[in-house]
Amino acid sequence: RVDPAVETGAADAELIGRCLSASQAASAAFDELYARHAGGVFAFLRGMHRGDEHAARDALQETFFRFYKALDRFEEGKPVRPWLLRIARNVSLDLLKKASHQHEEPRGPEAFGALVGDAAGAPEAAAQREAAALMRGAISRMPDPERAVFLLKHDQDMTYAEVADALGCSLRTAKYRMKSALELLGREAERMGVGS
């Protein structure tokens, strides 16, 4: 979900302008951009890295490093968030590819972050925890394109147009990948007897 801080203060484009000004305000402006967007980007990266918080933190640092280096290519008038999440996705895919070449498997579903939420305090806590674990496991086994769309749409609450922009694909492709992700979840739920 979008951090309320994202909707307050100076517009992102104005902050990017300050970052590029080479003034003393540049550092503070970049810190503000980081504060506005890091939480949402980290949640997305944690999902892309199947709950591996260490890998997600590494990816977050690399994402903001690349974001900073690319600020001069920002298209004024476009929203920052989809562009930043596209960078995060590319970083994530690069790191996952590197890890697979080194035969380092990302952590399994049991390490997957709180995508569904912590159900510990709910009346049916055991059943909810089990359902959440099954959901996290199914999401972690999705192919990267479907998982990226699902996380952006579900966790980041983006529109399909924003998802397509963030992933650099067509609106039709984004919707198709979401449909595929939901079908995968449905088959997984059916296989495990959830909801029957």
Protein backbone atom coordinates (compact mmCIF):
# COMPACT_ATOMS: atom_id res chain seq x y z
CA ARG A 1 0.00 0.00 0.00
CA VAL A 2 1.07 3.56 -0.62
CA ASP A 3 2.71 5.26 2.34
CA PRO A 4 0.68 8.37 3.32
CA ALA A 5 3.94 10.34 3.33
CA VAL A 6 4.07 9.90 -0.45
CA GLU A 7 1.06 12.17 -0.83
CA THR A 8 2.40 15.01 1.32
CA GLY A 9 5.09 17.61 0.93
CA ALA A 10 6.76 18.65 -2.30
CA ALA A 11 5.90 16.78 -5.47
CA ASP A 12 8.33 14.05 -6.46
CA ALA A 13 9.22 15.91 -9.67
CA GLU A 14 10.12 19.00 -7.63
CA LEU A 15 12.34 16.88 -5.38
CA ILE A 16 14.06 15.37 -8.41
CA GLY A 17 14.69 18.90 -9.68
CA ARG A 18 16.31 19.75 -6.35
CA CYS A 19 18.45 16.59 -6.53
CA LEU A 20 19.74 17.65 -9.93
CA SER A 21 20.46 21.22 -8.84
CA ALA A 22 23.80 20.35 -7.19
CA SER A 23 22.83 22.60 -4.29
CA GLN A 24 22.92 21.85 -0.60
CA ALA A 25 19.23 20.95 -0.84
CA ALA A 26 20.01 18.05 -3.22
CA SER A 27 20.91 15.61 -0.44
CA ALA A 28 17.84 16.47 1.62
CA ALA A 29 15.64 16.15 -1.47
CA PHE A 30 16.98 12.67 -2.22
CA ASP A 31 16.51 11.68 1.43
CA GLU A 32 12.88 12.80 1.13
CA LEU A 33 12.38 10.74 -2.04
CA TYR A 34 13.88 7.74 -0.25
CA ALA A 35 11.66 8.24 2.80
CA ARG A 36 8.57 8.48 0.59
CA HIS A 37 9.19 5.40 -1.51
CA ALA A 38 11.57 3.00 0.28
CA GLY A 39 8.86 1.20 2.26
CA GLY A 40 6.76 0.31 -0.77
CA VAL A 41 9.80 -0.60 -2.86
CA PHE A 42 11.13 -2.82 -0.07
CA ALA A 43 7.79 -4.63 0.25
CA PHE A 44 7.82 -5.28 -3.50
CA LEU A 45 11.45 -6.48 -3.42
CA ARG A 46 10.79 -8.74 -0.44
CA GLY A 47 8.07 -10.41 -2.49
CA MET A 48 10.28 -10.70 -5.55
CA HIS A 49 12.99 -12.32 -3.41
CA ARG A 50 10.55 -14.80 -1.88
CA GLY A 51 10.77 -13.32 1.60
CA ASP A 52 14.56 -13.11 1.77
CA GLU A 53 14.88 -9.82 3.66
CA HIS A 54 18.67 -9.72 3.29
CA ALA A 55 18.41 -10.00 -0.50
CA ALA A 56 15.56 -7.45 -0.51
CA ARG A 57 17.67 -4.95 1.47
CA ASP A 58 20.59 -5.43 -0.94
CA ALA A 59 18.21 -4.92 -3.84
CA LEU A 60 16.76 -1.81 -2.18
CA GLN A 61 20.21 -0.22 -1.91
CA GLU A 62 21.00 -1.06 -5.52
CA THR A 63 17.59 0.23 -6.65
CA PHE A 64 18.10 3.64 -5.07
CA PHE A 65 21.69 3.77 -6.33
CA ARG A 66 20.47 3.19 -9.91
CA PHE A 67 17.55 5.57 -9.34
CA TYR A 68 19.96 8.31 -8.26
CA LYS A 69 22.21 7.72 -11.27
CA ALA A 70 19.19 7.89 -13.60
CA LEU A 71 17.54 11.02 -12.17
CA ASP A 72 18.63 13.11 -15.16
CA ARG A 73 16.56 10.81 -17.41
CA PHE A 74 13.34 11.37 -15.45
CA GLU A 75 10.49 12.37 -17.77
CA GLU A 76 8.80 15.34 -16.14
CA GLY A 77 5.06 14.90 -15.86
CA LYS A 78 5.31 11.13 -15.36
CA PRO A 79 4.82 9.59 -11.93
CA VAL A 80 7.99 8.53 -10.12
CA ARG A 81 6.61 5.42 -8.41
CA PRO A 82 6.14 3.20 -11.51
CA TRP A 83 9.57 4.24 -12.81
CA LEU A 84 11.19 3.46 -9.46
CA LEU A 85 9.41 0.09 -9.25
CA ARG A 86 10.61 -0.73 -12.77
CA ILE A 87 14.17 -0.10 -11.61
CA ALA A 88 13.48 -2.28 -8.54
CA ARG A 89 12.16 -5.09 -10.73
CA ASN A 90 15.22 -4.94 -12.99
CA VAL A 91 17.55 -4.97 -9.98
CA SER A 92 15.63 -7.90 -8.53
CA LEU A 93 15.80 -9.90 -11.73
CA ASP A 94 19.53 -9.17 -12.05
CA LEU A 95 20.19 -10.35 -8.49
CA LEU A 96 17.98 -13.45 -8.88
CA LYS A 97 19.79 -14.33 -12.10
CA LYS A 98 23.16 -13.87 -10.40
CA ALA A 99 22.05 -16.02 -7.45
CA SER A 100 20.86 -18.80 -9.76
CA HIS A 101 24.22 -18.80 -11.53
CA GLN A 102 25.92 -19.16 -8.16
CA HIS A 103 23.50 -21.96 -7.22
CA GLU A 104 22.20 -19.93 -4.31
CA GLU A 105 18.53 -20.61 -3.93
CA PRO A 106 16.37 -17.84 -2.46
CA ARG A 107 14.80 -18.80 0.85
CA GLY A 108 11.65 -20.85 0.72
CA PRO A 109 8.06 -19.91 1.45
CA GLU A 110 8.55 -20.22 5.21
CA ALA A 111 10.78 -17.13 5.07
CA PHE A 112 8.38 -15.17 2.85
CA GLY A 113 7.49 -11.79 4.40
CA ALA A 114 4.14 -10.63 5.63
CA LEU A 115 2.45 -10.27 2.23
CA VAL A 116 -0.83 -11.61 3.54
CA GLY A 117 -0.35 -10.22 7.04
CA ASP A 118 0.14 -11.50 10.53
CA ALA A 119 -2.92 -13.41 11.64
CA ALA A 120 -1.57 -14.29 15.10
CA GLY A 121 -4.17 -12.25 16.99
CA ALA A 122 -7.22 -13.40 15.01
CA PRO A 123 -9.85 -15.73 16.50
CA GLU A 124 -9.04 -18.46 13.98
CA ALA A 125 -5.32 -17.73 14.13
CA ALA A 126 -4.06 -21.23 13.35
CA ALA A 127 -6.23 -21.60 10.24
CA GLN A 128 -5.38 -18.08 9.07
CA ARG A 129 -1.65 -18.65 9.58
CA GLU A 130 -1.86 -21.88 7.60
CA ALA A 131 -3.79 -20.19 4.78
CA ALA A 132 -1.31 -17.29 4.77
CA ALA A 133 1.62 -19.72 4.59
CA LEU A 134 -0.02 -21.56 1.68
CA MET A 135 -0.64 -18.25 -0.10
CA ARG A 136 2.95 -17.08 0.45
CA GLY A 137 4.26 -20.42 -0.77
CA ALA A 138 2.15 -20.28 -3.91
CA ILE A 139 3.23 -16.72 -4.65
CA SER A 140 6.88 -17.57 -4.11
CA ARG A 141 6.62 -20.38 -6.69
CA MET A 142 5.12 -18.15 -9.39
CA PRO A 143 7.31 -17.34 -12.37
CA ASP A 144 8.97 -13.93 -11.98
CA PRO A 145 6.73 -12.05 -14.50
CA GLU A 146 3.49 -13.21 -12.87
CA ARG A 147 4.84 -12.66 -9.35
CA ALA A 148 5.92 -9.11 -10.23
CA VAL A 149 2.47 -8.22 -11.59
CA PHE A 150 0.70 -9.82 -8.63
CA LEU A 151 2.90 -8.02 -6.07
CA LEU A 152 2.55 -4.64 -7.78
CA LYS A 153 -1.22 -4.98 -8.12
CA HIS A 154 -1.89 -6.62 -4.72
CA ASP A 155 0.81 -5.27 -2.42
CA GLN A 156 1.45 -1.88 -4.02
CA ASP A 157 -2.22 -1.32 -4.97
CA MET A 158 -1.26 -0.06 -8.42
CA THR A 159 -3.60 0.24 -11.39
CA TYR A 160 -2.97 -1.99 -14.39
CA ALA A 161 -1.68 1.05 -16.29
CA GLU A 162 0.84 1.74 -13.50
CA VAL A 163 1.83 -1.94 -13.39
CA ALA A 164 2.39 -1.94 -17.16
CA ASP A 165 4.46 1.24 -16.87
CA ALA A 166 6.52 -0.17 -13.99
CA LEU A 167 7.22 -3.40 -15.86
CA GLY A 168 7.71 -1.85 -19.28
CA CYS A 169 5.01 -4.00 -20.86
CA SER A 170 1.67 -3.37 -22.50
CA LEU A 171 -1.54 -3.01 -20.51
CA ARG A 172 -2.79 -6.21 -22.16
CA THR A 173 0.35 -8.10 -21.06
CA ALA A 174 -0.01 -6.86 -17.48
CA LYS A 175 -3.63 -8.04 -17.37
CA TYR A 176 -2.73 -11.37 -18.97
CA ARG A 177 0.04 -11.96 -16.41
CA MET A 178 -2.34 -11.12 -13.56
CA LYS A 179 -4.90 -13.55 -14.96
CA SER A 180 -2.19 -16.19 -15.16
CA ALA A 181 -1.06 -15.44 -11.58
CA LEU A 182 -4.62 -15.78 -10.28
CA GLU A 183 -5.06 -19.05 -12.18
CA LEU A 184 -1.84 -20.35 -10.63
CA LEU A 185 -3.10 -19.39 -7.16
CA GLY A 186 -6.46 -21.03 -7.89
CA ARG A 187 -4.82 -24.28 -9.01
CA GLU A 188 -2.56 -24.24 -5.96
CA ALA A 189 -5.53 -23.67 -3.65
CA GLU A 190 -7.45 -26.48 -5.34
CA ARG A 191 -4.44 -28.81 -5.13
CA MET A 192 -4.13 -28.15 -1.40
CA GLY A 193 -7.84 -28.43 -0.75
CA VAL A 194 -8.18 -24.80 0.37
CA GLY A 195 -11.73 -23.52 0.11
CA SER A 196 -13.30 -26.93 -0.63
